[in-house]
Protein backbone atom coordinates (compact mmCIF):
# COMPACT_ATOMS: atom_id res chain seq x y z
CA MET A 1 58.18 234.95 -12.10
CA SER A 2 58.01 235.62 -8.27
CA SER A 3 57.30 232.58 -5.54
CA GLU A 4 54.22 232.38 -3.08
CA TYR A 5 56.77 231.07 -0.71
CA ASP A 6 60.16 231.12 0.28
CA VAL A 7 60.71 228.08 2.05
CA LEU A 8 58.51 224.86 2.26
CA VAL A 9 59.23 223.33 5.07
CA LEU A 10 58.69 219.17 5.14
CA GLY A 11 58.12 216.75 8.19
CA GLY A 12 59.02 217.62 11.26
CA SER A 13 56.11 218.09 13.03
CA GLY A 14 54.83 217.21 16.68
CA VAL A 15 54.54 217.49 20.51
CA ASP A 16 57.22 217.12 23.04
CA THR A 17 57.26 216.33 26.95
CA ILE A 18 59.40 218.58 28.92
CA VAL A 19 60.87 217.32 31.92
CA TYR A 20 63.41 219.54 34.01
CA VAL A 21 65.79 216.76 35.91
CA PRO A 22 68.52 217.65 38.57
CA GLU A 23 71.58 216.06 36.16
CA LEU A 24 72.02 214.21 33.09
CA PRO A 25 72.45 211.29 33.15
CA LEU A 26 69.78 211.01 35.34
CA PRO A 27 71.05 208.22 37.95
CA TYR A 28 68.08 205.60 38.62
CA ALA A 29 65.95 206.17 41.45
CA ASP A 30 62.39 205.37 42.40
CA SER A 31 61.10 208.72 42.11
CA TYR A 32 62.52 212.42 41.39
CA MET A 33 60.37 215.52 42.74
CA ILE A 34 60.33 217.95 39.61
CA ARG A 35 60.75 221.46 39.28
CA PRO A 36 59.60 223.93 37.81
CA GLY A 37 57.37 221.46 36.73
CA ILE A 38 56.14 219.27 33.30
CA GLU A 39 54.96 220.76 30.67
CA THR A 40 53.64 219.21 27.05
CA ARG A 41 53.93 222.06 23.87
CA ALA A 42 53.87 221.33 20.16
CA GLY A 43 57.23 221.97 18.59
CA GLN A 44 59.83 219.61 17.43
CA THR A 45 62.62 220.08 14.19
CA GLY A 46 60.41 221.08 11.31
CA ASP A 47 58.13 223.28 13.62
CA PHE A 48 61.07 225.11 14.81
CA VAL A 49 62.46 225.75 11.78
CA ALA A 50 59.09 226.93 10.04
CA LEU A 51 59.19 229.26 13.36
CA GLY A 52 62.65 230.63 13.11
CA LEU A 53 62.17 231.77 9.19
CA SER A 54 58.87 232.99 9.84
CA ALA A 55 60.17 235.19 12.47
CA LEU A 56 63.13 236.22 10.47
CA GLY A 57 60.37 238.06 7.77
CA LEU A 58 60.71 234.92 5.54
CA ARG A 59 57.55 233.44 3.85
CA THR A 60 56.90 230.31 5.51
CA HIS A 61 54.47 227.14 4.39
CA HIS A 62 54.83 223.68 6.78
CA LEU A 63 53.64 220.43 5.12
CA ASP A 64 53.66 217.56 7.30
CA MET A 65 51.70 214.05 8.20
CA ILE A 66 49.69 214.96 11.78
CA GLY A 67 47.21 212.60 13.54
CA ASP A 68 43.44 213.75 14.51
CA ASP A 69 43.94 213.72 18.16
CA PRO A 70 44.19 216.34 20.91
CA CYS A 71 48.60 216.41 20.10
CA GLY A 72 47.59 217.15 16.60
CA ASP A 73 45.32 220.19 17.58
CA LEU A 74 48.55 221.70 19.69
CA VAL A 75 50.53 221.30 16.25
CA ARG A 76 47.73 223.36 14.57
CA ALA A 77 47.81 225.56 17.42
CA PHE A 78 51.09 226.18 17.14
CA HIS A 79 50.67 226.89 13.55
CA ARG A 80 47.65 229.39 13.52
CA ASP A 81 49.10 231.29 17.07
CA HIS A 82 52.07 232.04 14.86
CA GLY A 83 50.50 233.33 11.30
CA ILE A 84 52.81 230.28 10.19
CA GLY A 85 50.39 228.20 7.09
CA PHE A 86 50.45 224.64 7.55
CA THR A 87 49.27 221.89 5.09
CA GLU A 88 48.53 218.69 6.93
CA VAL A 89 48.45 215.39 5.71
CA PRO A 90 46.40 212.68 7.98
CA LEU A 91 48.78 210.75 9.93
CA PRO A 92 46.76 207.16 10.79
CA GLY A 93 49.20 206.75 13.82
CA GLY A 94 48.48 209.66 15.68
CA THR A 95 50.77 213.01 16.03
CA LYS A 96 54.48 212.41 16.55
CA ARG A 97 55.52 212.72 20.21
CA ALA A 98 58.65 212.76 22.19
CA VAL A 99 59.77 212.94 25.82
CA ASN A 100 62.80 216.10 25.88
CA LEU A 101 65.31 215.54 29.86
CA VAL A 102 66.56 219.12 30.06
CA GLY A 103 69.53 219.08 32.63
CA PRO A 104 70.34 222.58 35.01
CA ASP A 105 72.86 223.51 32.30
CA GLY A 106 70.19 224.04 28.96
CA ARG A 107 71.15 219.98 27.60
CA ARG A 108 68.99 217.79 26.39
CA LEU A 109 68.42 213.93 26.04
CA SER A 110 65.23 213.14 23.84
CA LEU A 111 63.08 210.20 24.27
CA TYR A 112 61.56 210.07 20.37
CA ASP A 113 58.19 207.60 20.05
CA ASP A 114 58.94 205.49 16.53
CA SER A 115 55.44 203.67 17.04
CA ARG A 116 53.68 206.33 15.28
CA SER A 117 55.33 205.79 11.87
CA GLN A 118 54.52 203.28 9.48
CA GLU A 119 56.15 201.99 6.38
CA SER A 120 53.51 203.19 4.64
CA ASP A 121 53.93 207.15 5.03
CA ARG A 122 53.60 209.25 2.63
CA LEU A 123 53.16 212.81 1.77
CA PRO A 124 51.05 212.50 -1.57
CA GLU A 125 53.27 213.70 -4.60
CA GLU A 126 50.60 215.70 -6.38
CA LEU A 127 50.28 217.79 -3.38
CA VAL A 128 54.23 218.10 -2.59
CA ARG A 129 54.67 219.29 -6.21
CA SER A 130 52.42 222.07 -6.34
CA LEU A 131 53.45 223.59 -2.38
CA ALA A 132 56.71 223.23 -4.05
CA SER A 133 56.08 224.72 -7.23
CA ALA A 134 55.12 227.68 -5.60
CA SER A 135 57.74 228.10 -3.32
CA ARG A 136 61.96 229.03 -3.82
CA HIS A 137 63.79 226.58 -1.50
CA ALA A 138 62.76 223.16 0.56
CA HIS A 139 64.02 222.19 3.52
CA VAL A 140 63.61 218.65 4.60
CA ALA A 141 63.17 216.55 8.21
CA ILE A 142 64.86 213.46 7.98
CA THR A 143 61.54 211.77 8.55
CA HIS A 144 60.34 208.35 5.86
CA PRO A 145 57.62 210.24 4.21
CA CYS A 146 60.35 213.19 3.43
CA ALA A 147 62.60 210.77 1.73
CA PHE A 148 59.92 210.16 -1.20
CA ALA A 149 59.24 213.77 -1.74
CA LEU A 150 62.71 214.89 -2.59
CA PRO A 151 62.52 213.13 -6.58
CA GLN A 152 59.21 215.89 -6.33
CA LEU A 153 60.96 218.83 -4.82
CA ARG A 154 64.19 218.43 -7.42
CA GLU A 155 61.42 218.09 -10.44
CA ALA A 156 59.69 221.58 -9.40
CA GLY A 157 63.78 222.81 -9.54
CA LEU A 158 63.73 223.93 -5.99
CA THR A 159 66.89 223.93 -3.30
CA VAL A 160 67.12 222.05 -0.69
CA SER A 161 68.61 221.89 2.46
CA THR A 162 68.29 219.38 5.63
CA ASP A 163 69.28 218.79 9.11
CA LEU A 164 71.07 215.22 10.40
CA HIS A 165 70.81 215.69 13.22
CA ASP A 166 73.17 213.28 15.63
CA TRP A 167 74.00 211.36 12.00
CA ASP A 168 76.97 208.80 13.21
CA GLY A 169 78.09 209.50 9.52
CA GLU A 170 77.37 205.32 8.55
CA ASN A 171 73.19 204.56 9.28
CA PRO A 172 72.46 204.08 5.58
CA TYR A 173 69.03 205.90 6.64
CA HIS A 174 70.10 209.57 5.95
CA GLU A 175 72.25 209.25 2.69
CA PRO A 176 69.40 210.51 0.52
CA PHE A 177 69.15 213.41 3.09
CA ALA A 178 72.95 214.22 2.89
CA TYR A 179 73.23 213.44 -0.63
CA GLY A 180 69.98 214.85 -2.55
CA ALA A 181 70.40 218.26 -0.28
CA ASP A 182 71.96 221.64 -1.98
CA ILE A 183 72.32 222.23 1.75
CA VAL A 184 73.62 219.90 4.53
CA PHE A 185 73.54 220.76 8.74
CA VAL A 186 74.78 218.16 11.04
CA SER A 187 75.81 218.02 14.79
CA THR A 188 79.54 217.18 15.60
CA ALA A 189 77.82 214.81 18.88
CA ALA A 190 77.79 211.48 17.47
CA LEU A 191 80.52 211.91 14.48
CA ALA A 192 83.49 209.87 14.86
CA ASP A 193 84.98 211.92 12.07
CA LYS A 194 84.00 215.42 11.57
CA GLU A 195 85.67 216.14 8.98
CA LYS A 196 85.56 212.76 7.10
CA THR A 197 81.73 213.14 6.77
CA MET A 198 81.51 216.26 5.84
CA HIS A 199 84.15 215.88 3.16
CA ARG A 200 82.40 212.42 1.70
CA ILE A 201 78.82 214.08 1.65
CA LEU A 202 80.69 217.26 0.08
CA GLU A 203 82.26 214.42 -2.85
CA ARG A 204 79.33 212.00 -3.56
CA GLY A 205 76.37 214.18 -2.97
CA ARG A 206 74.97 217.82 -4.51
CA ALA A 207 75.79 219.80 -1.65
CA GLU A 208 77.48 223.38 -2.06
CA ALA A 209 77.76 223.63 2.06
CA VAL A 210 78.42 221.48 4.78
CA ILE A 211 77.78 223.22 8.33
CA ALA A 212 78.16 220.94 11.58
CA THR A 213 77.40 222.31 14.43
CA ALA A 214 79.45 221.60 17.72
CA GLY A 215 77.47 223.44 20.55
CA ALA A 216 80.04 225.70 22.48
CA GLU A 217 82.85 224.66 19.74
CA GLY A 218 80.95 226.87 17.49
CA ALA A 219 80.71 225.10 14.11
CA TYR A 220 82.32 223.90 10.98
CA LEU A 221 81.74 225.19 7.15
CA LEU A 222 83.04 222.99 4.22
CA THR A 223 82.49 224.14 1.00
CA ALA A 224 84.51 223.40 -2.35
CA ASP A 225 86.70 226.31 -1.32
CA GLY A 226 87.76 224.33 1.67
CA PRO A 227 87.44 224.40 5.43
CA ALA A 228 86.03 227.20 8.10
CA HIS A 229 85.66 227.46 11.87
CA VAL A 230 82.38 229.50 13.04
CA PRO A 231 82.99 230.50 16.37
CA ALA A 232 80.40 230.56 18.88
CA VAL A 233 78.43 233.56 20.09
CA GLU A 234 78.17 234.07 23.56
CA PRO A 235 74.36 234.51 23.95
CA ARG A 236 73.30 237.85 25.77
CA LYS A 237 71.03 236.23 28.31
CA PRO A 238 71.76 233.48 30.68
CA VAL A 239 71.17 229.77 28.82
CA VAL A 240 68.63 227.79 30.17
CA ASP A 241 68.23 224.86 27.37
CA SER A 242 69.91 223.56 23.99
CA ASN A 243 66.53 222.81 22.79
CA GLY A 244 65.21 224.09 19.73
CA ALA A 245 69.26 225.84 19.14
CA GLY A 246 69.89 223.25 16.11
CA ASP A 247 66.87 224.73 13.95
CA ALA A 248 67.45 227.99 14.86
CA PHE A 249 71.04 227.75 13.63
CA ALA A 250 69.69 226.55 9.97
CA SER A 251 66.89 229.27 10.25
CA GLY A 252 69.07 232.15 10.59
CA PHE A 253 71.53 230.43 8.08
CA LEU A 254 69.14 229.84 5.36
CA PHE A 255 67.75 233.45 5.91
CA GLY A 256 70.98 234.73 4.76
CA ARG A 257 71.26 232.15 1.76
CA LEU A 258 68.04 233.44 0.91
CA THR A 259 68.78 237.18 0.99
CA GLY A 260 71.94 236.80 -0.74
CA GLU A 261 74.86 237.15 1.53
CA ASP A 262 78.12 235.06 1.55
CA LEU A 263 78.36 231.47 2.96
CA GLY A 264 80.53 233.03 6.61
CA ARG A 265 77.69 235.77 6.73
CA CYS A 266 75.39 233.05 6.32
CA ALA A 267 77.12 230.92 9.48
CA LEU A 268 77.54 234.13 11.65
CA TYR A 269 73.34 234.54 11.34
CA GLY A 270 72.84 230.66 12.60
CA SER A 271 75.47 231.49 15.31
CA VAL A 272 73.17 234.02 16.61
CA ALA A 273 70.28 232.38 16.03
CA GLY A 274 71.18 229.44 17.99
CA ALA A 275 72.87 231.75 20.53
CA TYR A 276 69.41 233.33 21.03
CA ALA A 277 66.97 229.86 21.46
CA CYS A 278 69.11 229.01 24.55
CA THR A 279 68.00 231.59 26.70
CA VAL A 280 64.52 230.40 25.82
CA PRO A 281 63.06 227.93 27.82
CA ALA A 282 62.24 224.26 26.22
CA THR A 283 58.48 225.19 27.50
CA GLY A 284 58.44 228.05 24.94
CA SER A 285 58.51 228.62 21.37
CA ASP A 286 60.26 231.53 20.99
CA ALA A 287 63.02 233.03 17.50
CA ILE A 288 64.76 235.99 16.81
CA ASP A 289 63.33 238.74 14.83
CA ARG A 290 65.26 240.34 11.50
CA ALA A 291 65.77 243.32 13.18
CA GLY A 292 67.04 241.59 16.33
CA LEU A 293 69.43 238.89 14.18
CA ILE A 294 70.83 242.09 11.88
CA ALA A 295 71.42 244.26 15.30
CA GLU A 296 73.29 241.34 16.93
CA THR A 297 75.22 240.63 14.06
CA ALA A 298 76.15 243.43 13.34
CA ARG A 299 77.52 244.65 16.69
CA LEU A 300 79.37 241.38 16.95
CA MET A 301 81.31 242.55 13.85
CA GLY A 302 81.66 245.95 15.48
CA SER A 303 79.21 248.52 13.34
CA PRO A 304 76.93 249.80 14.92
CA ALA A 305 75.38 252.23 12.51
CA ALA A 306 75.08 249.17 10.35
CA ALA A 307 72.50 247.82 12.81
CA ARG A 308 71.01 251.04 12.82
CA THR A 309 70.13 250.77 9.35
CA ALA A 310 69.26 247.29 9.43
CA ALA A 311 66.55 248.02 12.55
CA ASP A 312 65.23 250.59 9.69
CA GLY A 313 65.36 248.65 6.84
CA PRO A 314 62.35 248.40 4.67
CA VAL A 315 59.51 247.00 6.20
CA GLY A 316 57.04 244.46 4.88
CA SER A 317 53.42 243.47 5.30
CA ARG A 318 54.23 241.61 8.60
CA GLY A 319 56.28 244.56 10.53
CA THR A 320 59.36 242.85 9.31
CA ALA A 321 62.13 244.05 6.75
CA ALA A 322 61.19 242.18 3.68
CA PRO A 323 63.44 239.47 2.00
CA SER A 324 64.85 240.40 -0.72
């Protein structure tokens, strides 16, 4: 029986205010003159994963809690403008917000407003079950309400992925996500011992693959067959911002997994998508499409013919190659 959605994305909606700063860390000063300026736009981790998956031609639906406020309107418009299905649940504390400081080299420092969340925030169980029953896979943000949705996803028989972001490998908050997902992404930014953490996730949880992203160092893939290193991909355009690169990596990897590729090819897809995201300004919202991803992957593997074949392949109703 076919599913209505390839991927159900849970959580991770919000609004960011982007501030370009002359350097990071930013030295104390009474004031700074900022160029190109300060902008507020919709798009946090769940929004960008949904965008990346949808741009790659996967049937994507996003479920999250947002507020009845102007920031919520920006999130609604983001999904509407990009043609991404979105089911919203009222968030009493208001739509989640963050301030992103972006340095000249594209590095980012994010300041999250944690006051929006409440202990009682939940995604309705029956709603989660209904959307899960219509989906092939779920990607879960590490927000508080999503931890309580993991059992419903399992009951529905979905495979699950999650991104632990800058987990230090010790904070117990992340463990239900780390040990409850089939595919686990994590940044090496705060890991004291990435190998130890990756092995622990594989041994204690249900993951078939753990992927640690390391920026310019590339990424590290661990499966039951052992470790592998995935070199970073050099972007075809200048790097302007790392915001959303991890979300793009996850989108590219999941695209490969859901279209039947081996894990090595999935990781290469992730690297290509992540490199593309680094060329997109933080104030924008763009993601590589399927033809671009396949063509760039084929170029890197030295197969122009494969790139042409992929670009001219089967086309779905949305103008992108239809997922298998």
